[in-house]
Amino acid sequence: MGDRSWAPRRGLVGLAWVLFTGAAAWFVTLLVGGGDPAGRLLAGVAAAALGFMALHGTIVRPRLAVHGHGLEIRGLTGTRAVDWTAVQRVRVYRTRRFGRETSQLEIDMLVGGDERLAVFGRLDLDADPEDVAEILLPYVPTRSA
C-alpha cells in the first residue's frame, strides 16, 4: 500500500476566498460609506468567518496523510505525526442530521501518554469517511483483549 493523503476540495477553498473577498469589500463599503451599525457588524462577522474558513482550508492541506510508518494530521497549529503503534482505533460514526445520514471518521490515538481523538468529515477529506477508514484499517495494529 502506498502513501495517501486527503484534503479539503480546492474548489471549495477557492470559493471561500472569493466569498471572503466579497464580504470584506462589503464591510469596507459600509465602514467608509457610513452604513448602519447592525449592517457593519453583520458584514464584519461574515468577512471574519469566511476569512477563517478560507485560511483554515488553505493551511491544513493535506488534512490527513497515511505513510507506512504512521499518520500525519495537519491542523492550524501544525502537523502531528503519529506512529501506527499509537493508533488505538479507527471507526466511522454515523448519525442522522436534517433527515440525512452523515458519517465521520474517528481516530483514537495514544500520544505521549494522553488519549487523543481526531474527527474528520467529508469536507475535511473530500472523500467518504467510510472509504478512508477501509484504507486505514489494515495499518492499525490488532490489540488482544
N, C-alpha and C. Protein backbone atom coordinates (compact mmCIF):
# COMPACT_ATOMS: atom_id res chain seq x y z
N MET A 1 0.84 -1.18 0.00
CA MET A 1 0.00 0.00 0.00
C MET A 1 0.88 1.24 0.00
N GLY A 2 0.54 2.19 -0.87
CA GLY A 2 1.33 3.40 -0.97
C GLY A 2 0.82 4.50 -0.06
N ASP A 3 1.55 5.60 -0.09
CA ASP A 3 1.15 6.76 0.69
C ASP A 3 -0.11 7.38 0.09
N ARG A 4 -0.98 7.85 0.95
CA ARG A 4 -2.22 8.51 0.52
C ARG A 4 -2.42 9.75 1.36
N SER A 5 -3.16 10.72 0.81
CA SER A 5 -3.49 11.91 1.60
C SER A 5 -4.86 12.42 1.18
N TRP A 6 -5.49 13.12 2.10
CA TRP A 6 -6.81 13.69 1.88
C TRP A 6 -6.81 15.13 2.37
N ALA A 7 -7.53 15.98 1.65
CA ALA A 7 -7.57 17.41 1.98
C ALA A 7 -8.90 17.99 1.53
N PRO A 8 -9.26 19.16 2.06
CA PRO A 8 -10.48 19.82 1.59
C PRO A 8 -10.39 20.09 0.08
N ARG A 9 -11.52 20.05 -0.59
CA ARG A 9 -11.57 20.27 -2.03
C ARG A 9 -11.06 21.66 -2.38
N ARG A 10 -10.16 21.73 -3.36
CA ARG A 10 -9.57 23.01 -3.77
C ARG A 10 -10.63 24.01 -4.21
N GLY A 11 -11.61 23.56 -4.95
CA GLY A 11 -12.66 24.46 -5.43
C GLY A 11 -13.45 25.08 -4.29
N LEU A 12 -13.67 24.31 -3.25
CA LEU A 12 -14.40 24.82 -2.09
C LEU A 12 -13.58 25.86 -1.34
N VAL A 13 -12.28 25.61 -1.22
CA VAL A 13 -11.40 26.58 -0.56
C VAL A 13 -11.32 27.85 -1.41
N GLY A 14 -11.23 27.70 -2.72
CA GLY A 14 -11.21 28.86 -3.61
C GLY A 14 -12.49 29.67 -3.51
N LEU A 15 -13.63 28.99 -3.42
CA LEU A 15 -14.91 29.67 -3.26
C LEU A 15 -14.94 30.44 -1.95
N ALA A 16 -14.39 29.87 -0.89
CA ALA A 16 -14.35 30.57 0.40
C ALA A 16 -13.52 31.84 0.29
N TRP A 17 -12.41 31.81 -0.45
CA TRP A 17 -11.60 33.02 -0.64
C TRP A 17 -12.37 34.08 -1.43
N VAL A 18 -13.09 33.66 -2.46
CA VAL A 18 -13.88 34.60 -3.26
C VAL A 18 -14.97 35.24 -2.40
N LEU A 19 -15.67 34.42 -1.62
CA LEU A 19 -16.73 34.94 -0.74
C LEU A 19 -16.15 35.85 0.33
N PHE A 20 -14.98 35.51 0.86
CA PHE A 20 -14.32 36.37 1.84
C PHE A 20 -14.00 37.74 1.22
N THR A 21 -13.49 37.73 0.01
CA THR A 21 -13.16 39.00 -0.66
C THR A 21 -14.41 39.85 -0.84
N GLY A 22 -15.51 39.22 -1.24
CA GLY A 22 -16.77 39.96 -1.39
C GLY A 22 -17.27 40.50 -0.07
N ALA A 23 -17.22 39.68 0.98
CA ALA A 23 -17.69 40.12 2.29
C ALA A 23 -16.80 41.22 2.85
N ALA A 24 -15.49 41.12 2.62
CA ALA A 24 -14.57 42.17 3.09
C ALA A 24 -14.84 43.48 2.35
N ALA A 25 -15.10 43.40 1.04
CA ALA A 25 -15.43 44.60 0.27
C ALA A 25 -16.74 45.21 0.76
N TRP A 26 -17.71 44.36 1.07
CA TRP A 26 -18.99 44.83 1.60
C TRP A 26 -18.77 45.55 2.93
N PHE A 27 -17.95 44.96 3.79
CA PHE A 27 -17.66 45.55 5.09
C PHE A 27 -16.97 46.91 4.94
N VAL A 28 -15.96 46.98 4.08
CA VAL A 28 -15.25 48.25 3.87
C VAL A 28 -16.19 49.30 3.30
N THR A 29 -17.05 48.91 2.36
CA THR A 29 -18.01 49.85 1.79
C THR A 29 -18.94 50.40 2.86
N LEU A 30 -19.43 49.54 3.74
CA LEU A 30 -20.30 50.00 4.82
C LEU A 30 -19.54 50.87 5.82
N LEU A 31 -18.30 50.53 6.07
CA LEU A 31 -17.49 51.28 7.02
C LEU A 31 -17.18 52.68 6.49
N VAL A 32 -16.76 52.76 5.25
CA VAL A 32 -16.41 54.05 4.64
C VAL A 32 -17.66 54.86 4.32
N GLY A 33 -18.70 54.17 3.87
CA GLY A 33 -19.92 54.86 3.47
C GLY A 33 -20.83 55.23 4.62
N GLY A 34 -20.46 54.87 5.82
CA GLY A 34 -21.28 55.23 6.98
C GLY A 34 -22.54 54.41 7.10
N GLY A 35 -22.44 53.12 6.83
CA GLY A 35 -23.60 52.24 6.96
C GLY A 35 -24.03 52.11 8.41
N ASP A 36 -25.22 51.58 8.60
CA ASP A 36 -25.74 51.43 9.96
C ASP A 36 -24.90 50.43 10.75
N PRO A 37 -24.85 50.57 12.07
CA PRO A 37 -24.00 49.69 12.90
C PRO A 37 -24.35 48.20 12.77
N ALA A 38 -25.62 47.88 12.66
CA ALA A 38 -26.00 46.47 12.55
C ALA A 38 -25.47 45.87 11.25
N GLY A 39 -25.55 46.63 10.17
CA GLY A 39 -25.03 46.16 8.88
C GLY A 39 -23.52 45.99 8.90
N ARG A 40 -22.83 46.93 9.54
CA ARG A 40 -21.38 46.82 9.66
C ARG A 40 -21.00 45.59 10.48
N LEU A 41 -21.73 45.36 11.57
CA LEU A 41 -21.46 44.19 12.41
C LEU A 41 -21.68 42.89 11.62
N LEU A 42 -22.78 42.82 10.90
CA LEU A 42 -23.09 41.63 10.11
C LEU A 42 -22.03 41.39 9.05
N ALA A 43 -21.65 42.44 8.34
CA ALA A 43 -20.63 42.31 7.29
C ALA A 43 -19.28 41.93 7.89
N GLY A 44 -18.94 42.52 9.02
CA GLY A 44 -17.67 42.20 9.67
C GLY A 44 -17.60 40.77 10.14
N VAL A 45 -18.68 40.29 10.75
CA VAL A 45 -18.72 38.90 11.22
C VAL A 45 -18.66 37.94 10.03
N ALA A 46 -19.40 38.25 8.97
CA ALA A 46 -19.38 37.39 7.77
C ALA A 46 -17.98 37.34 7.16
N ALA A 47 -17.33 38.50 7.05
CA ALA A 47 -15.99 38.54 6.48
C ALA A 47 -15.00 37.76 7.35
N ALA A 48 -15.09 37.94 8.66
CA ALA A 48 -14.18 37.23 9.56
C ALA A 48 -14.39 35.71 9.48
N ALA A 49 -15.64 35.27 9.48
CA ALA A 49 -15.92 33.84 9.42
C ALA A 49 -15.46 33.23 8.10
N LEU A 50 -15.75 33.90 7.00
CA LEU A 50 -15.32 33.39 5.70
C LEU A 50 -13.80 33.41 5.56
N GLY A 51 -13.17 34.44 6.10
CA GLY A 51 -11.71 34.51 6.08
C GLY A 51 -11.08 33.38 6.87
N PHE A 52 -11.66 33.08 8.04
CA PHE A 52 -11.15 31.98 8.86
C PHE A 52 -11.30 30.65 8.13
N MET A 53 -12.47 30.42 7.53
CA MET A 53 -12.70 29.15 6.82
C MET A 53 -11.75 29.01 5.63
N ALA A 54 -11.54 30.10 4.89
CA ALA A 54 -10.64 30.05 3.74
C ALA A 54 -9.20 29.80 4.18
N LEU A 55 -8.78 30.49 5.23
CA LEU A 55 -7.42 30.31 5.74
C LEU A 55 -7.22 28.89 6.27
N HIS A 56 -8.20 28.39 6.99
CA HIS A 56 -8.14 27.02 7.52
C HIS A 56 -8.01 26.02 6.37
N GLY A 57 -8.85 26.15 5.36
CA GLY A 57 -8.80 25.23 4.23
C GLY A 57 -7.49 25.28 3.47
N THR A 58 -6.84 26.44 3.48
CA THR A 58 -5.56 26.59 2.80
C THR A 58 -4.42 26.00 3.62
N ILE A 59 -4.41 26.27 4.91
CA ILE A 59 -3.29 25.85 5.77
C ILE A 59 -3.28 24.34 6.00
N VAL A 60 -4.43 23.72 6.13
CA VAL A 60 -4.47 22.31 6.55
C VAL A 60 -4.33 21.31 5.41
N ARG A 61 -3.82 21.72 4.27
CA ARG A 61 -3.65 20.79 3.16
C ARG A 61 -2.34 20.05 3.30
N PRO A 62 -2.25 18.76 3.22
CA PRO A 62 -3.34 17.80 3.32
C PRO A 62 -3.77 17.63 4.78
N ARG A 63 -5.04 17.39 4.99
CA ARG A 63 -5.60 17.27 6.34
C ARG A 63 -5.16 15.98 7.01
N LEU A 64 -5.14 14.90 6.25
CA LEU A 64 -4.76 13.58 6.76
C LEU A 64 -3.88 12.91 5.73
N ALA A 65 -2.73 12.40 6.15
CA ALA A 65 -1.83 11.67 5.26
C ALA A 65 -1.46 10.35 5.91
N VAL A 66 -1.36 9.32 5.08
CA VAL A 66 -1.03 7.97 5.54
C VAL A 66 0.30 7.57 4.91
N HIS A 67 1.21 7.12 5.76
CA HIS A 67 2.51 6.62 5.31
C HIS A 67 2.71 5.24 5.91
N GLY A 68 3.70 4.55 5.46
CA GLY A 68 3.98 3.22 6.00
C GLY A 68 4.30 3.25 7.48
N HIS A 69 4.87 4.35 7.96
CA HIS A 69 5.27 4.45 9.37
C HIS A 69 4.17 5.00 10.26
N GLY A 70 3.15 5.65 9.70
CA GLY A 70 2.08 6.20 10.53
C GLY A 70 1.22 7.22 9.82
N LEU A 71 0.58 8.04 10.63
CA LEU A 71 -0.33 9.08 10.14
C LEU A 71 0.29 10.45 10.34
N GLU A 72 -0.13 11.39 9.51
CA GLU A 72 0.16 12.80 9.73
C GLU A 72 -1.17 13.53 9.69
N ILE A 73 -1.45 14.28 10.74
CA ILE A 73 -2.69 15.04 10.84
C ILE A 73 -2.32 16.51 10.91
N ARG A 74 -2.80 17.28 9.96
CA ARG A 74 -2.45 18.69 9.90
C ARG A 74 -3.61 19.54 10.39
N GLY A 75 -3.28 20.49 11.25
CA GLY A 75 -4.25 21.45 11.77
C GLY A 75 -3.70 22.85 11.67
N LEU A 76 -4.39 23.80 12.26
CA LEU A 76 -3.95 25.19 12.20
C LEU A 76 -2.63 25.42 12.93
N THR A 77 -2.35 24.62 13.94
CA THR A 77 -1.14 24.84 14.73
C THR A 77 0.04 24.00 14.27
N GLY A 78 -0.13 23.21 13.24
CA GLY A 78 0.97 22.41 12.72
C GLY A 78 0.56 20.99 12.40
N THR A 79 1.56 20.17 12.14
CA THR A 79 1.34 18.78 11.75
C THR A 79 1.75 17.86 12.90
N ARG A 80 0.88 16.92 13.20
CA ARG A 80 1.18 15.92 14.23
C ARG A 80 1.42 14.59 13.53
N ALA A 81 2.59 14.02 13.76
CA ALA A 81 2.92 12.70 13.22
C ALA A 81 2.65 11.66 14.30
N VAL A 82 1.96 10.60 13.92
CA VAL A 82 1.58 9.54 14.86
C VAL A 82 1.97 8.20 14.27
N ASP A 83 2.75 7.43 15.02
CA ASP A 83 3.11 6.08 14.57
C ASP A 83 1.89 5.17 14.64
N TRP A 84 1.91 4.12 13.81
CA TRP A 84 0.77 3.20 13.80
C TRP A 84 0.59 2.52 15.16
N THR A 85 1.66 2.33 15.91
CA THR A 85 1.53 1.69 17.22
C THR A 85 0.74 2.55 18.20
N ALA A 86 0.67 3.86 17.95
CA ALA A 86 -0.08 4.76 18.83
C ALA A 86 -1.56 4.84 18.47
N VAL A 87 -1.93 4.32 17.30
CA VAL A 87 -3.33 4.37 16.88
C VAL A 87 -4.08 3.25 17.59
N GLN A 88 -5.06 3.63 18.39
CA GLN A 88 -5.82 2.66 19.17
C GLN A 88 -7.00 2.08 18.39
N ARG A 89 -7.70 2.96 17.66
CA ARG A 89 -8.91 2.51 16.97
C ARG A 89 -9.24 3.48 15.84
N VAL A 90 -9.78 2.94 14.77
CA VAL A 90 -10.32 3.72 13.66
C VAL A 90 -11.74 3.25 13.46
N ARG A 91 -12.68 4.19 13.47
CA ARG A 91 -14.07 3.80 13.26
C ARG A 91 -14.82 4.91 12.54
N VAL A 92 -15.95 4.55 11.99
CA VAL A 92 -16.83 5.52 11.33
C VAL A 92 -18.07 5.68 12.19
N TYR A 93 -18.35 6.91 12.55
CA TYR A 93 -19.52 7.23 13.37
C TYR A 93 -20.60 7.77 12.44
N ARG A 94 -21.76 7.12 12.46
CA ARG A 94 -22.87 7.54 11.60
C ARG A 94 -23.98 8.15 12.44
N THR A 95 -24.55 9.23 11.94
CA THR A 95 -25.66 9.89 12.62
C THR A 95 -26.59 10.50 11.58
N ARG A 96 -27.81 10.77 12.01
CA ARG A 96 -28.78 11.42 11.12
C ARG A 96 -28.90 12.88 11.50
N ARG A 97 -28.75 13.74 10.51
CA ARG A 97 -28.91 15.19 10.71
C ARG A 97 -29.75 15.73 9.57
N PHE A 98 -30.75 16.48 9.93
CA PHE A 98 -31.63 17.12 8.94
C PHE A 98 -32.16 16.11 7.93
N GLY A 99 -32.47 14.91 8.40
CA GLY A 99 -33.04 13.89 7.54
C GLY A 99 -32.03 13.16 6.68
N ARG A 100 -30.76 13.48 6.83
CA ARG A 100 -29.70 12.83 6.05
C ARG A 100 -28.78 12.07 6.97
N GLU A 101 -28.30 10.94 6.51
CA GLU A 101 -27.31 10.22 7.30
C GLU A 101 -25.92 10.75 6.94
N THR A 102 -25.18 11.13 7.96
CA THR A 102 -23.81 11.61 7.75
C THR A 102 -22.86 10.68 8.49
N SER A 103 -21.63 10.65 8.04
CA SER A 103 -20.64 9.82 8.71
C SER A 103 -19.37 10.63 8.95
N GLN A 104 -18.70 10.29 10.04
CA GLN A 104 -17.45 10.94 10.40
C GLN A 104 -16.43 9.88 10.75
N LEU A 105 -15.20 10.12 10.36
CA LEU A 105 -14.10 9.22 10.67
C LEU A 105 -13.50 9.62 12.01
N GLU A 106 -13.41 8.67 12.92
CA GLU A 106 -12.82 8.92 14.24
C GLU A 106 -11.56 8.07 14.37
N ILE A 107 -10.47 8.73 14.79
CA ILE A 107 -9.21 8.03 15.01
C ILE A 107 -8.81 8.26 16.46
N ASP A 108 -8.80 7.19 17.25
CA ASP A 108 -8.37 7.25 18.65
C ASP A 108 -6.87 6.96 18.70
N MET A 109 -6.13 7.83 19.40
CA MET A 109 -4.68 7.69 19.48
C MET A 109 -4.20 7.85 20.91
N LEU A 110 -3.06 7.30 21.19
CA LEU A 110 -2.39 7.49 22.47
C LEU A 110 -1.06 8.19 22.17
N VAL A 111 -1.01 9.50 22.46
CA VAL A 111 0.15 10.32 22.11
C VAL A 111 0.76 10.87 23.39
N GLY A 112 2.00 10.49 23.67
CA GLY A 112 2.68 10.99 24.86
C GLY A 112 1.96 10.66 26.15
N GLY A 113 1.30 9.51 26.21
CA GLY A 113 0.57 9.11 27.40
C GLY A 113 -0.83 9.69 27.49
N ASP A 114 -1.19 10.59 26.59
CA ASP A 114 -2.52 11.20 26.58
C ASP A 114 -3.35 10.63 25.44
N GLU A 115 -4.64 10.43 25.72
CA GLU A 115 -5.54 9.97 24.68
C GLU A 115 -5.94 11.16 23.81
N ARG A 116 -5.94 10.96 22.51
CA ARG A 116 -6.33 12.00 21.55
C ARG A 116 -7.38 11.42 20.62
N LEU A 117 -8.28 12.26 20.18
CA LEU A 117 -9.31 11.87 19.22
C LEU A 117 -9.27 12.84 18.07
N ALA A 118 -9.13 12.32 16.86
CA ALA A 118 -9.20 13.14 15.66
C ALA A 118 -10.47 12.76 14.92
N VAL A 119 -11.26 13.76 14.54
CA VAL A 119 -12.53 13.54 13.86
C VAL A 119 -12.49 14.26 12.52
N PHE A 120 -12.85 13.54 11.46
CA PHE A 120 -12.84 14.09 10.11
C PHE A 120 -14.17 13.83 9.44
N GLY A 121 -14.68 14.82 8.76
CA GLY A 121 -15.90 14.68 7.97
C GLY A 121 -15.58 14.69 6.49
N ARG A 122 -16.61 14.61 5.69
CA ARG A 122 -16.44 14.60 4.25
C ARG A 122 -15.76 15.88 3.75
N LEU A 123 -16.09 17.03 4.34
CA LEU A 123 -15.48 18.29 3.92
C LEU A 123 -13.98 18.32 4.23
N ASP A 124 -13.57 17.70 5.33
CA ASP A 124 -12.15 17.65 5.68
C ASP A 124 -11.35 16.81 4.70
N LEU A 125 -11.95 15.72 4.25
CA LEU A 125 -11.22 14.71 3.48
C LEU A 125 -11.49 14.75 1.99
N ASP A 126 -12.58 15.39 1.56
CA ASP A 126 -13.05 15.34 0.18
C ASP A 126 -13.19 13.89 -0.28
N ALA A 127 -13.62 13.05 0.64
CA ALA A 127 -13.85 11.63 0.36
C ALA A 127 -14.83 11.10 1.40
N ASP A 128 -15.44 9.98 1.08
CA ASP A 128 -16.35 9.35 2.03
C ASP A 128 -15.53 8.81 3.20
N PRO A 129 -15.85 9.19 4.44
CA PRO A 129 -15.10 8.69 5.60
C PRO A 129 -15.04 7.16 5.67
N GLU A 130 -16.06 6.48 5.17
CA GLU A 130 -16.05 5.02 5.18
C GLU A 130 -14.96 4.48 4.25
N ASP A 131 -14.78 5.13 3.10
CA ASP A 131 -13.73 4.70 2.18
C ASP A 131 -12.34 4.93 2.78
N VAL A 132 -12.17 6.05 3.47
CA VAL A 132 -10.88 6.35 4.11
C VAL A 132 -10.61 5.34 5.23
N ALA A 133 -11.65 5.00 6.00
CA ALA A 133 -11.48 4.02 7.08
C ALA A 133 -11.04 2.67 6.53
N GLU A 134 -11.58 2.27 5.39
CA GLU A 134 -11.18 0.99 4.78
C GLU A 134 -9.70 1.00 4.41
N ILE A 135 -9.18 2.16 4.03
CA ILE A 135 -7.76 2.26 3.68
C ILE A 135 -6.90 2.23 4.94
N LEU A 136 -7.39 2.85 6.03
CA LEU A 136 -6.61 2.94 7.26
C LEU A 136 -6.58 1.63 8.06
N LEU A 137 -7.68 0.90 8.06
CA LEU A 137 -7.81 -0.27 8.94
C LEU A 137 -6.70 -1.32 8.80
N PRO A 138 -6.22 -1.63 7.59
CA PRO A 138 -5.14 -2.63 7.51
C PRO A 138 -3.85 -2.20 8.21
N TYR A 139 -3.65 -0.91 8.40
CA TYR A 139 -2.44 -0.41 9.05
C TYR A 139 -2.53 -0.48 10.58
N VAL A 140 -3.75 -0.44 11.12
CA VAL A 140 -3.93 -0.36 12.57
C VAL A 140 -3.55 -1.69 13.20
N PRO A 141 -2.65 -1.66 14.20
CA PRO A 141 -2.25 -2.92 14.85
C PRO A 141 -3.43 -3.55 15.59
N THR A 142 -3.50 -4.86 15.53
CA THR A 142 -4.57 -5.56 16.25
C THR A 142 -4.20 -5.64 17.72
N ARG A 143 -5.17 -5.47 18.56
CA ARG A 143 -4.96 -5.47 20.02
C ARG A 143 -5.61 -6.73 20.59
N SER A 144 -4.92 -7.40 21.47
CA SER A 144 -5.51 -8.57 22.12
C SER A 144 -6.32 -8.11 23.32
N ALA A 145 -7.42 -8.79 23.58
CA ALA A 145 -8.33 -8.39 24.66
C ALA A 145 -7.81 -8.71 26.02
